[in-house]
Amino acid sequence: MLIQALAAYADTRLAGELEEPAFEFKPVRFFLEVSDDGTFLGFIERTESVQRGSKTFVTVQQLNIAKSPVARVSGLHPLLACDDMKYVLGPGEWTKPEEVQNQKERHEAFVALLRTAAEATTDGSVESVLRFYDRPIEVEFCT
């Protein structure tokens, strides 16, 4: 009973004060799914239909992701595991000709951060993602 009361108090009176300052909720439209051997399996769309009155809207689901420690208006500042498409996939059909080099650099920085994380943690999931990036043909399926 006491635990339930404390949980209810935290949910109502302390809402927003117990959040992790290194994370924030952001809309994440797609997950990139890869197998253990690094094979591209597909995209998982993270949208849901929401009924508002008589209308139905499609909204992107929120995900609690790492917050950038710096303003990303200039420089290369990739985020681990969840980032903008130009970091995750690099240049593609969405890229303007004058942005190709910029997006290549962002993508390389993202993959370098994954390599650092894989070496530091020896996490199998991160290593699977690196196997995906080490096989350019797999990355091309996404672009």
Protein backbone atom coordinates (compact mmCIF):
# COMPACT_ATOMS: atom_id res chain seq x y z
CA MET A 1 0.00 0.00 0.00
CA LEU A 2 2.82 2.40 0.89
CA ILE A 3 4.70 1.61 -2.33
CA GLN A 4 1.56 2.25 -4.39
CA ALA A 5 1.01 5.57 -2.64
CA LEU A 6 4.61 6.63 -3.26
CA ALA A 7 4.36 5.63 -6.93
CA ALA A 8 1.12 7.60 -7.31
CA TYR A 9 2.74 10.60 -5.61
CA ALA A 10 5.73 10.42 -7.96
CA ASP A 11 3.46 10.16 -11.00
CA THR A 12 1.33 13.15 -10.03
CA ARG A 13 3.31 15.51 -7.83
CA LEU A 14 6.83 14.86 -9.09
CA ALA A 15 6.07 14.54 -12.80
CA GLY A 16 8.93 16.08 -14.75
CA GLU A 17 11.28 16.22 -11.76
CA LEU A 18 12.32 12.58 -11.97
CA GLU A 19 13.30 12.65 -15.62
CA GLU A 20 16.82 11.67 -16.63
CA PRO A 21 18.61 14.88 -17.73
CA ALA A 22 20.72 13.00 -20.30
CA PHE A 23 17.63 11.78 -22.17
CA GLU A 24 14.66 13.35 -23.89
CA PHE A 25 11.52 12.17 -25.65
CA LYS A 26 11.65 12.67 -29.41
CA PRO A 27 9.59 11.33 -32.29
CA VAL A 28 11.35 8.39 -33.97
CA ARG A 29 9.58 7.33 -37.16
CA PHE A 30 11.62 4.24 -38.11
CA PHE A 31 13.77 1.54 -36.62
CA LEU A 32 16.43 0.05 -38.87
CA GLU A 33 16.32 -3.72 -38.34
CA VAL A 34 19.42 -5.85 -38.92
CA SER A 35 20.17 -9.50 -38.15
CA ASP A 36 22.96 -10.72 -35.90
CA ASP A 37 25.19 -11.16 -38.96
CA GLY A 38 24.54 -7.58 -40.12
CA THR A 39 22.03 -8.34 -42.88
CA PHE A 40 19.48 -5.57 -43.47
CA LEU A 41 16.03 -6.93 -42.62
CA GLY A 42 13.94 -3.83 -43.16
CA PHE A 43 12.48 -0.74 -41.61
CA ILE A 44 9.99 -0.84 -38.77
CA GLU A 45 7.65 2.12 -38.95
CA ARG A 46 6.76 3.57 -35.56
CA THR A 47 3.51 5.38 -36.22
CA GLU A 48 0.10 5.04 -34.68
CA SER A 49 -3.38 6.20 -35.61
CA VAL A 50 -4.95 8.60 -33.13
CA GLN A 51 -8.65 9.43 -33.14
CA ARG A 52 -9.48 13.07 -32.40
CA GLY A 53 -13.16 13.69 -32.69
CA SER A 54 -14.31 12.36 -36.03
CA LYS A 55 -10.85 12.55 -37.61
CA THR A 56 -8.00 10.05 -37.50
CA PHE A 57 -4.41 11.28 -37.54
CA VAL A 58 -1.18 9.35 -37.94
CA THR A 59 1.41 10.34 -35.35
CA VAL A 60 5.02 9.28 -34.85
CA GLN A 61 5.67 7.44 -31.60
CA GLN A 62 7.98 9.09 -29.07
CA LEU A 63 11.14 7.38 -27.84
CA ASN A 64 13.33 8.30 -24.89
CA ILE A 65 16.70 8.91 -26.56
CA ALA A 66 20.08 10.31 -25.54
CA LYS A 67 20.15 14.09 -25.53
CA SER A 68 22.96 15.77 -27.40
CA PRO A 69 25.38 17.39 -24.94
CA VAL A 70 25.98 20.21 -27.44
CA ALA A 71 23.94 22.28 -29.84
CA ARG A 72 24.24 20.53 -33.19
CA VAL A 73 24.12 23.60 -35.39
CA SER A 74 27.69 23.09 -36.56
CA GLY A 75 30.33 20.40 -36.36
CA LEU A 76 30.00 16.61 -36.19
CA HIS A 77 28.05 15.43 -33.17
CA PRO A 78 26.52 11.98 -33.72
CA LEU A 79 24.21 10.40 -31.16
CA LEU A 80 24.57 6.76 -30.25
CA ALA A 81 22.02 4.41 -31.80
CA CYS A 82 19.34 6.97 -32.70
CA ASP A 83 19.99 9.90 -34.97
CA ASP A 84 19.01 11.78 -38.08
CA MET A 85 19.07 9.90 -41.39
CA LYS A 86 22.11 11.81 -42.67
CA TYR A 87 24.10 10.42 -39.71
CA VAL A 88 22.65 6.90 -39.77
CA LEU A 89 22.65 6.28 -43.54
CA GLY A 90 24.70 9.09 -45.04
CA PRO A 91 23.84 10.45 -48.47
CA GLY A 92 20.95 8.95 -50.40
CA GLU A 93 18.11 9.92 -52.68
CA TRP A 94 17.13 12.60 -50.15
CA THR A 95 20.49 14.35 -50.48
CA LYS A 96 21.01 17.52 -52.50
CA PRO A 97 24.22 17.47 -54.59
CA GLU A 98 25.85 20.19 -52.47
CA GLU A 99 25.18 18.19 -49.25
CA VAL A 100 26.80 14.90 -50.26
CA GLN A 101 30.19 15.52 -48.62
CA ASN A 102 28.59 16.91 -45.46
CA GLN A 103 26.36 13.84 -45.08
CA LYS A 104 29.27 11.46 -45.77
CA GLU A 105 31.21 13.08 -42.92
CA ARG A 106 28.23 12.83 -40.55
CA HIS A 107 27.73 9.18 -41.44
CA GLU A 108 31.42 8.38 -40.89
CA ALA A 109 31.28 10.10 -37.48
CA PHE A 110 28.19 8.04 -36.55
CA VAL A 111 29.87 4.74 -37.50
CA ALA A 112 33.06 5.77 -35.64
CA LEU A 113 30.96 6.38 -32.50
CA LEU A 114 29.40 2.93 -32.88
CA ARG A 115 32.90 1.40 -33.19
CA THR A 116 33.97 3.15 -30.00
CA ALA A 117 30.85 1.88 -28.20
CA ALA A 118 31.38 -1.67 -29.47
CA GLU A 119 34.98 -1.71 -28.26
CA ALA A 120 34.06 -0.25 -24.88
CA THR A 121 31.07 -2.51 -24.19
CA THR A 122 31.51 -5.65 -26.32
CA ASP A 123 27.71 -5.53 -26.68
CA GLY A 124 26.47 -8.05 -29.25
CA SER A 125 23.76 -5.72 -30.57
CA VAL A 126 26.24 -2.95 -31.31
CA GLU A 127 28.57 -5.45 -32.96
CA SER A 128 25.68 -6.64 -35.18
CA VAL A 129 25.05 -3.06 -36.28
CA LEU A 130 28.75 -2.65 -37.07
CA ARG A 131 28.64 -5.80 -39.21
CA PHE A 132 25.81 -4.10 -41.11
CA TYR A 133 27.92 -0.97 -41.68
CA ASP A 134 30.95 -3.04 -42.67
CA ARG A 135 28.91 -4.46 -45.59
CA PRO A 136 28.25 -1.48 -47.91
CA ILE A 137 25.82 -3.48 -50.03
CA GLU A 138 23.54 -3.84 -47.00
CA VAL A 139 23.61 -0.10 -46.33
CA GLU A 140 22.75 0.55 -49.99
CA PHE A 141 19.49 -1.40 -49.53
CA CYS A 142 18.39 1.39 -47.17
CA THR A 143 19.19 4.26 -49.46
